[in-house]
Protein backbone atom coordinates (compact mmCIF):
# COMPACT_ATOMS: atom_id res chain seq x y z
CA MET A 1 12.00 -2.50 -22.34
CA ALA A 2 13.17 0.92 -22.73
CA GLU A 3 13.69 2.86 -19.51
CA GLY A 4 11.27 5.67 -18.38
CA GLY A 5 8.10 4.40 -16.77
CA VAL A 6 7.15 1.99 -13.89
CA MET A 7 8.42 -0.91 -16.29
CA GLY A 8 10.00 1.28 -18.76
CA GLY A 9 8.74 1.80 -22.50
CA GLY A 10 6.30 4.23 -23.98
CA GLY A 11 2.66 4.54 -24.99
CA SER A 12 -0.51 4.17 -22.93
CA GLY A 13 -3.90 2.46 -23.15
CA GLY A 14 -7.27 2.87 -21.82
CA ASP A 15 -10.93 3.72 -22.90
CA GLU A 16 -11.95 6.87 -24.45
CA ASN A 17 -13.32 9.80 -22.48
CA ASP A 18 -16.56 11.42 -23.44
CA GLY A 19 -15.35 14.59 -22.03
CA SER A 20 -18.26 15.12 -19.66
CA LEU A 21 -18.01 16.28 -16.06
CA TRP A 22 -21.40 16.07 -14.41
CA ILE A 23 -22.64 17.42 -11.13
CA ASN A 24 -24.98 15.50 -9.07
CA THR A 25 -27.88 16.95 -7.03
CA ARG A 26 -25.52 17.72 -4.10
CA TRP A 27 -23.36 19.81 -6.37
CA ARG A 28 -20.61 17.15 -5.99
CA MET A 29 -18.07 16.51 -8.84
CA ASP A 30 -18.68 12.89 -9.67
CA LEU A 31 -15.70 10.42 -9.54
CA LEU A 32 -13.90 10.60 -12.82
CA VAL A 33 -13.32 6.98 -13.29
CA ASN A 34 -12.22 7.04 -16.88
CA HIS A 35 -9.68 9.88 -16.21
CA HIS A 36 -8.11 8.16 -13.31
CA ALA A 37 -7.96 4.79 -15.10
CA ARG A 38 -6.06 6.43 -17.84
CA PHE A 39 -3.86 8.21 -15.35
CA CYS A 40 -2.96 4.88 -13.86
CA LEU A 41 -2.37 3.15 -17.16
CA ARG A 42 0.07 5.83 -18.14
CA LEU A 43 1.91 5.01 -14.80
CA LEU A 44 2.63 1.68 -16.22
CA HIS A 45 4.49 3.10 -19.12
CA SER A 46 5.87 6.47 -18.00
CA LEU A 47 6.41 8.36 -14.70
CA PRO A 48 5.33 11.96 -14.66
CA GLY A 49 8.28 14.50 -14.67
CA ASP A 50 7.41 15.63 -11.31
CA CYS A 51 7.71 12.01 -10.01
CA GLU A 52 11.25 11.58 -10.80
CA GLU A 53 12.29 11.09 -7.17
CA LEU A 54 10.19 7.78 -7.29
CA GLU A 55 12.55 6.02 -9.66
CA THR A 56 13.99 3.89 -7.20
CA GLN A 57 10.45 3.15 -5.91
CA ARG A 58 8.81 1.84 -9.21
CA MET A 59 7.48 -1.13 -7.62
CA THR A 60 5.39 0.89 -4.94
CA VAL A 61 4.11 3.03 -7.94
CA LEU A 62 3.18 -0.20 -9.84
CA GLN A 63 1.18 -1.41 -6.70
CA PHE A 64 -0.48 1.88 -6.61
CA ALA A 65 -1.37 2.07 -10.31
CA VAL A 66 -2.57 -1.63 -10.43
CA THR A 67 -4.60 -1.66 -7.06
CA SER A 68 -6.27 1.71 -8.15
CA LEU A 69 -7.43 0.08 -11.36
CA ASP A 70 -8.71 -2.88 -9.22
CA ILE A 71 -10.55 -0.35 -6.94
CA LEU A 72 -12.09 1.47 -9.99
CA ASN A 73 -13.29 -1.82 -11.32
CA GLN A 74 -11.09 -1.19 -14.46
CA ILE A 75 -8.30 -3.81 -14.17
CA HIS A 76 -9.66 -5.37 -17.17
CA LEU A 77 -7.82 -2.63 -18.97
CA ILE A 78 -4.74 -4.38 -18.27
CA LYS A 79 -4.76 -6.72 -21.19
CA ASP A 80 -3.18 -10.24 -20.89
CA GLU A 81 -0.02 -9.24 -22.66
CA LEU A 82 0.70 -6.31 -20.43
CA LYS A 83 -0.24 -8.38 -17.39
CA HIS A 84 2.32 -10.97 -18.49
CA ARG A 85 4.87 -8.31 -18.98
CA ILE A 86 4.22 -6.76 -15.54
CA VAL A 87 4.35 -10.10 -13.77
CA ALA A 88 7.69 -10.99 -15.49
CA TRP A 89 9.19 -7.59 -14.46
CA VAL A 90 8.23 -7.90 -10.92
CA TYR A 91 9.74 -11.31 -10.86
CA ARG A 92 13.03 -10.13 -12.40
CA LEU A 93 13.44 -7.74 -9.32
CA GLN A 94 13.26 -10.70 -7.00
CA ILE A 95 16.64 -11.22 -5.07
CA THR A 96 17.07 -14.84 -4.42
CA GLU A 97 21.12 -15.29 -4.68
CA ASP A 98 23.46 -15.50 -1.60
CA PRO A 99 23.85 -13.96 0.80
CA PRO A 100 20.26 -14.98 1.87
CA ASP A 101 19.82 -12.17 4.46
CA ARG A 102 19.33 -9.87 1.25
CA CYS A 103 16.54 -11.94 -0.30
CA GLY A 104 13.25 -10.18 -1.42
CA PHE A 105 12.25 -7.64 -3.95
CA GLN A 106 13.95 -4.58 -5.18
CA GLY A 107 12.19 -1.50 -6.04
CA SER A 108 13.52 -0.60 -9.44
CA PRO A 109 16.00 -2.15 -11.97
CA THR A 110 17.78 1.18 -11.84
CA PHE A 111 21.04 -0.74 -10.67
CA LEU A 112 20.68 -3.71 -12.74
CA MET A 113 23.40 -3.92 -15.65
CA ASN A 114 21.23 -6.51 -17.47
CA GLU A 115 17.32 -5.86 -17.38
CA HIS A 116 16.71 -9.50 -17.82
CA THR A 117 18.79 -10.78 -14.78
CA ASN A 118 20.14 -9.68 -11.46
CA ILE A 119 22.94 -12.12 -11.49
CA HIS A 120 26.72 -11.15 -11.29
CA LEU A 121 26.11 -7.76 -9.81
CA PRO A 122 28.38 -6.21 -6.99
CA PRO A 123 26.83 -7.30 -3.60
CA ARG A 124 26.57 -3.87 -2.43
CA VAL A 125 23.87 -2.99 -4.83
CA VAL A 126 21.79 -6.24 -4.63
CA ALA A 127 19.66 -6.08 -1.67
CA SER A 128 15.82 -6.16 -1.19
CA HIS A 129 13.65 -3.66 0.76
CA VAL A 130 10.74 -4.62 2.89
CA ALA A 131 8.31 -2.24 1.41
CA MET A 132 9.16 -3.13 -2.12
CA THR A 133 8.73 -6.86 -1.20
CA TYR A 134 5.31 -6.03 0.23
CA ALA A 135 4.43 -4.04 -2.92
CA ALA A 136 5.73 -6.64 -5.34
CA LEU A 137 3.45 -9.46 -3.37
CA VAL A 138 0.39 -7.25 -3.37
CA THR A 139 0.72 -6.40 -7.10
CA LEU A 140 1.13 -10.06 -7.97
CA ILE A 141 -1.99 -11.19 -6.04
CA THR A 142 -3.96 -8.23 -7.50
CA LEU A 143 -3.22 -9.42 -10.97
CA GLY A 144 -4.22 -13.10 -10.12
CA ASP A 145 -0.70 -14.47 -10.04
CA ASP A 146 -0.29 -17.89 -8.10
CA LEU A 147 2.98 -16.92 -6.54
CA CYS A 148 4.53 -20.15 -7.65
CA HIS A 149 7.76 -18.28 -8.63
CA VAL A 150 7.99 -16.50 -5.23
CA GLN A 151 10.95 -17.88 -3.16
CA ARG A 152 9.20 -17.85 0.03
CA LYS A 153 11.66 -19.50 2.38
CA LYS A 154 14.42 -17.32 1.08
CA ILE A 155 12.43 -14.20 1.45
CA LEU A 156 11.12 -15.01 4.89
CA HIS A 157 14.68 -15.82 5.96
CA GLY A 158 15.90 -12.41 4.54
CA LEU A 159 12.84 -10.68 6.45
CA SER A 160 14.05 -12.37 9.77
CA THR A 161 17.42 -10.75 9.53
CA LEU A 162 15.76 -7.31 9.36
CA GLN A 163 14.10 -7.52 12.78
CA ASN A 164 15.84 -5.45 15.54
CA SER A 165 16.22 -6.47 19.00
CA ASN A 166 13.32 -4.07 20.08
CA GLY A 167 10.92 -5.96 17.83
CA SER A 168 10.94 -3.30 15.06
CA PHE A 169 11.96 -3.91 11.38
CA ARG A 170 14.59 -2.20 9.29
CA ALA A 171 13.88 -1.18 5.62
CA GLY A 172 16.52 -3.36 4.31
CA TYR A 173 19.92 -4.90 4.51
CA GLY A 174 22.40 -2.25 5.71
CA CYS A 175 19.68 0.23 6.64
CA SER A 176 19.35 1.92 9.93
CA GLU A 177 15.89 3.33 9.38
CA SER A 178 13.06 1.47 11.25
CA ASP A 179 9.71 2.41 12.07
CA MET A 180 5.92 1.29 12.25
CA ARG A 181 5.78 1.26 8.28
CA PHE A 182 8.31 -1.52 7.85
CA ALA A 183 6.78 -3.51 10.84
CA TYR A 184 3.49 -3.61 8.95
CA CYS A 185 5.05 -4.58 5.66
CA ALA A 186 6.77 -7.38 7.53
CA VAL A 187 3.49 -8.57 8.99
CA CYS A 188 1.77 -8.35 5.58
CA ILE A 189 4.58 -10.40 3.91
CA CYS A 190 4.44 -13.18 6.57
CA TYR A 191 0.52 -13.16 6.15
CA ILE A 192 0.69 -13.26 2.43
CA LEU A 193 3.36 -16.04 2.34
CA ASN A 194 1.33 -17.80 5.29
CA ASP A 195 4.20 -18.16 7.57
CA PHE A 196 5.11 -16.20 10.71
CA SER A 197 7.50 -18.64 11.97
CA THR A 198 10.75 -16.62 11.00
CA ILE A 199 9.89 -13.49 12.94
CA ASN A 200 9.54 -12.85 16.63
CA VAL A 201 5.82 -12.06 17.03
CA PRO A 202 5.88 -11.36 20.81
CA LYS A 203 8.94 -8.88 20.35
CA LEU A 204 6.95 -7.04 17.60
CA ILE A 205 3.93 -6.71 19.83
CA GLU A 206 5.94 -5.32 22.51
CA PHE A 207 7.18 -2.81 20.14
CA ILE A 208 3.81 -1.81 18.95
CA ARG A 209 2.68 -1.81 22.43
CA ARG A 210 5.42 0.86 23.35
CA SER A 211 4.60 3.08 20.53
CA PHE A 212 1.11 3.82 21.95
CA SER A 213 1.11 7.45 22.70
CA TYR A 214 -0.47 9.46 25.49
CA GLU A 215 -2.55 11.11 23.02
CA GLY A 216 -4.33 7.86 22.15
CA CYS A 217 -2.63 6.98 18.93
CA PHE A 218 0.64 5.23 17.73
CA THR A 219 3.88 6.68 16.83
CA SER A 220 6.72 5.69 14.69
CA GLY A 221 8.59 4.42 17.71
CA HIS A 222 8.92 5.00 21.35
CA ALA A 223 8.54 8.57 22.71
CA VAL A 224 7.87 10.60 19.40
CA GLU A 225 4.97 12.26 17.93
CA GLY A 226 1.70 10.33 17.08
CA HIS A 227 0.86 10.07 13.31
CA ALA A 228 -2.13 8.68 11.49
CA GLY A 229 -0.22 6.68 9.12
CA HIS A 230 1.88 4.87 11.82
CA THR A 231 -1.48 4.43 13.73
CA PHE A 232 -2.94 2.48 10.77
CA CYS A 233 0.24 0.39 10.50
CA ALA A 234 0.17 -0.56 13.96
CA VAL A 235 -3.46 -1.29 14.26
CA ALA A 236 -3.54 -3.22 11.07
CA SER A 237 -0.67 -5.36 12.28
CA LEU A 238 -2.42 -6.06 15.41
CA VAL A 239 -5.64 -7.23 13.52
CA ILE A 240 -3.61 -9.30 11.25
CA LEU A 241 -1.76 -11.01 14.31
CA GLY A 242 -5.16 -11.39 16.05
CA LYS A 243 -3.80 -9.40 18.97
CA LEU A 244 -5.54 -6.06 19.06
CA HIS A 245 -7.75 -6.66 22.16
CA GLU A 246 -4.83 -8.33 23.96
CA THR A 247 -2.50 -5.48 23.46
CA LEU A 248 -5.07 -2.46 24.01
CA CYS A 249 -7.71 -2.37 26.53
CA GLU A 250 -11.18 -1.10 25.91
CA ASP A 251 -10.38 2.45 27.20
CA GLU A 252 -7.33 2.65 24.88
CA ILE A 253 -9.30 1.58 22.07
CA ASN A 254 -12.10 4.12 22.72
CA LYS A 255 -9.26 6.75 23.10
CA LEU A 256 -7.77 5.60 19.80
CA VAL A 257 -11.15 5.90 18.13
CA LYS A 258 -11.73 9.40 19.40
CA TRP A 259 -8.19 10.46 18.33
CA CYS A 260 -9.13 9.25 14.83
CA LEU A 261 -12.43 10.94 14.78
CA PHE A 262 -10.82 14.30 15.81
CA ARG A 263 -8.52 14.18 12.65
CA GLN A 264 -11.41 15.26 10.47
CA GLY A 265 -11.45 18.79 9.72
CA GLU A 266 -13.93 21.39 8.75
CA THR A 267 -13.63 20.81 5.16
CA GLY A 268 -14.15 17.07 5.42
CA GLY A 269 -10.59 15.80 5.02
CA PHE A 270 -8.29 14.32 7.49
CA THR A 271 -5.24 15.32 9.00
CA GLY A 272 -2.12 13.04 10.09
CA ARG A 273 -1.40 14.83 13.16
CA THR A 274 -2.60 17.44 15.62
CA ASN A 275 -2.70 21.02 14.20
CA LYS A 276 -1.73 19.88 10.61
CA ALA A 277 -3.60 20.47 7.32
CA GLU A 278 -6.09 18.10 5.90
CA ASP A 279 -4.70 15.70 3.19
CA THR A 280 -6.22 13.20 0.86
CA CYS A 281 -4.32 10.21 1.78
CA TYR A 282 -5.44 10.40 5.59
CA SER A 283 -8.91 9.53 4.30
CA TYR A 284 -7.53 6.00 4.08
CA TRP A 285 -4.99 5.93 6.90
CA VAL A 286 -7.59 7.34 9.40
CA GLY A 287 -10.52 5.67 7.50
CA GLY A 288 -8.86 2.41 7.36
CA THR A 289 -7.96 2.47 10.98
CA LEU A 290 -11.54 3.29 11.91
CA ALA A 291 -12.80 0.61 9.59
CA LEU A 292 -10.55 -1.92 11.55
CA LEU A 293 -11.98 -0.55 14.86
CA ASP A 294 -15.59 -0.97 13.40
CA SER A 295 -16.14 2.78 13.93
CA LEU A 296 -16.07 4.23 10.36
CA PRO A 297 -19.76 5.16 10.47
CA PHE A 298 -18.89 7.95 13.06
CA ILE A 299 -17.20 10.07 10.49
CA ASP A 300 -19.00 12.77 8.27
CA CYS A 301 -18.87 10.56 5.21
CA ASP A 302 -20.36 13.03 2.66
CA LYS A 303 -17.92 15.80 3.55
CA ASN A 304 -14.96 13.50 3.26
CA ILE A 305 -16.25 12.31 -0.19
CA ASP A 306 -16.58 15.85 -1.21
CA PHE A 307 -12.95 16.69 0.10
CA VAL A 308 -11.56 13.73 -2.06
CA LEU A 309 -13.47 14.42 -5.15
CA GLY A 310 -12.57 18.20 -4.91
CA ASN A 311 -8.79 17.16 -5.38
CA GLN A 312 -9.49 15.31 -8.69
CA ASN A 313 -7.68 16.72 -11.74
CA PRO A 314 -10.42 16.94 -14.43
CA LEU A 315 -7.83 16.89 -17.39
CA SER A 316 -5.01 14.62 -16.43
CA GLY A 317 -6.92 12.34 -14.07
CA GLY A 318 -5.31 11.57 -10.74
CA ILE A 319 -5.93 12.95 -7.23
CA GLY A 320 -3.93 15.48 -5.41
CA LYS A 321 -2.82 16.04 -1.78
CA VAL A 322 -4.92 19.25 -1.09
CA ASP A 323 -5.85 20.34 -4.63
CA SER A 324 -6.46 19.21 -8.03
CA GLU A 325 -3.25 20.61 -9.80
CA HIS A 326 -0.68 18.41 -8.05
CA VAL A 327 -1.58 14.90 -8.59
CA ASP A 328 0.49 12.07 -7.73
CA PRO A 329 0.23 8.20 -7.71
CA LEU A 330 0.17 7.82 -3.84
CA HIS A 331 -2.81 10.34 -3.32
CA THR A 332 -4.59 8.95 -6.32
CA PHE A 333 -4.32 5.44 -4.81
CA LEU A 334 -5.06 6.53 -1.23
CA GLY A 335 -7.94 8.68 -2.35
CA LEU A 336 -9.72 5.97 -4.14
CA ALA A 337 -9.03 3.63 -1.27
CA GLY A 338 -10.57 5.96 1.13
CA LEU A 339 -13.67 6.35 -1.26
CA SER A 340 -13.92 2.52 -1.30
CA LEU A 341 -13.93 2.31 2.50
CA VAL A 342 -17.03 4.45 2.44
CA LYS A 343 -18.58 2.27 -0.26
CA TYR A 344 -18.69 4.88 -2.74
CA LYS A 345 -20.76 3.92 -5.71
CA GLY A 346 -19.26 1.55 -8.45
CA LEU A 347 -15.98 0.84 -6.53
CA ASN A 348 -14.63 -2.42 -5.43
CA LEU A 349 -14.27 -2.74 -1.66
CA MET A 350 -11.05 -2.52 0.12
CA ASN A 351 -9.78 -4.96 2.60
CA PRO A 352 -8.00 -2.40 5.05
CA MET A 353 -6.08 -5.28 6.83
CA LEU A 354 -3.78 -5.71 3.88
CA THR A 355 -4.54 -2.59 1.79
CA THR A 356 -5.77 -4.66 -0.97
CA SER A 357 -8.99 -4.93 -2.65
CA ASN A 358 -11.33 -7.67 -1.45
CA ASN A 359 -10.93 -9.34 -4.92
CA ALA A 360 -7.26 -9.56 -4.24
CA SER A 361 -7.59 -10.83 -0.60
CA GLU A 362 -10.04 -13.54 -1.80
CA HIS A 363 -7.66 -14.75 -4.40
CA LEU A 364 -5.02 -14.96 -1.57
CA SER A 365 -7.39 -16.87 0.63
CA ASN A 366 -7.86 -19.36 -2.20
CA LEU A 367 -4.07 -19.71 -2.60
CA HIS A 368 -3.63 -20.30 1.14
CA ARG A 369 -6.28 -23.10 0.87
CA GLN A 370 -4.30 -24.61 -1.87
CA TRP A 371 -1.08 -24.52 -0.16
CA ASN A 372 -2.43 -25.98 3.00
CA THR A 373 -4.10 -28.80 1.06
CA SER A 374 -0.84 -29.67 -0.88
CA GLY A 375 1.20 -29.39 2.11
CA LEU A 376 3.41 -26.40 0.97
CA ASN A 377 3.39 -25.11 4.47
């Protein structure tokens, strides 16, 4: 494939737009399903010029595009031939060669000298990234793949080498960066692959517990500022591990709910930190946290919907951070995911635990049953 987009190549697909923008009785712009579907389909072929910095993170962009189409109930627009190409592209970025502590998925073929194989490359450039491994697995299950070509044992071994002595996880081999994002990715990887035996779960829970702030939220690590994104990652990790109520007492959970509810601003959007501007993405990070805490009904749902829909671009499709002009894959995905949480009409529901659609989660549950029956675990 030629270089340029998520997978490389040119052209795009999608249904035709009727050109209409209608306003409902509350004078709210409707969700522009066709526009966003075309925006996501274009991402599968070419990255927008202002997204050049995402070149090494194409796997995450792919996850955003595919999951967005799933939320929109438009994943059928990814025809079988394209679906097979996407799955093959993802598997080509799987690192399974020695040394085993580098196994997992890369984020991009940028450093591959041969686009069809990752063999015979200098060791310094062949290493996985925990967030890209998570994105690859989510993309595969969203597309209905059976994960039969995923090197589970090697990936889990590679993941185990990324855990620090304090329980946190590094992003990848040779990386010093570690925070709650990578802990969440690690937990999701273990959940998807149905095996937590290679990581130190008690140490991880200790790390999460130590990151609980005086504000009533979670931070990226000990003694730093609380943040809604890290709070989501911490809460979702504890829910996956079944340790939420063992880690936080009732008063702390109530304080956490209050902190999240106070993130909603006057225009209906949510902020990520105290005294920061509202931002589309926090409709999911805060909304997802509240959903996991069974407290989402306490938000002003209508105002949040208005905020997200107001950041749609009616020409190109896509959703922006704080306006409709500067749209990008991340805010499009998280904006749609936030709307799904509040059950916006016509959208597939999200599973906030894994940040996948319910459809993808159900497919994964079926795979787990098959693995358990066949003794693959």
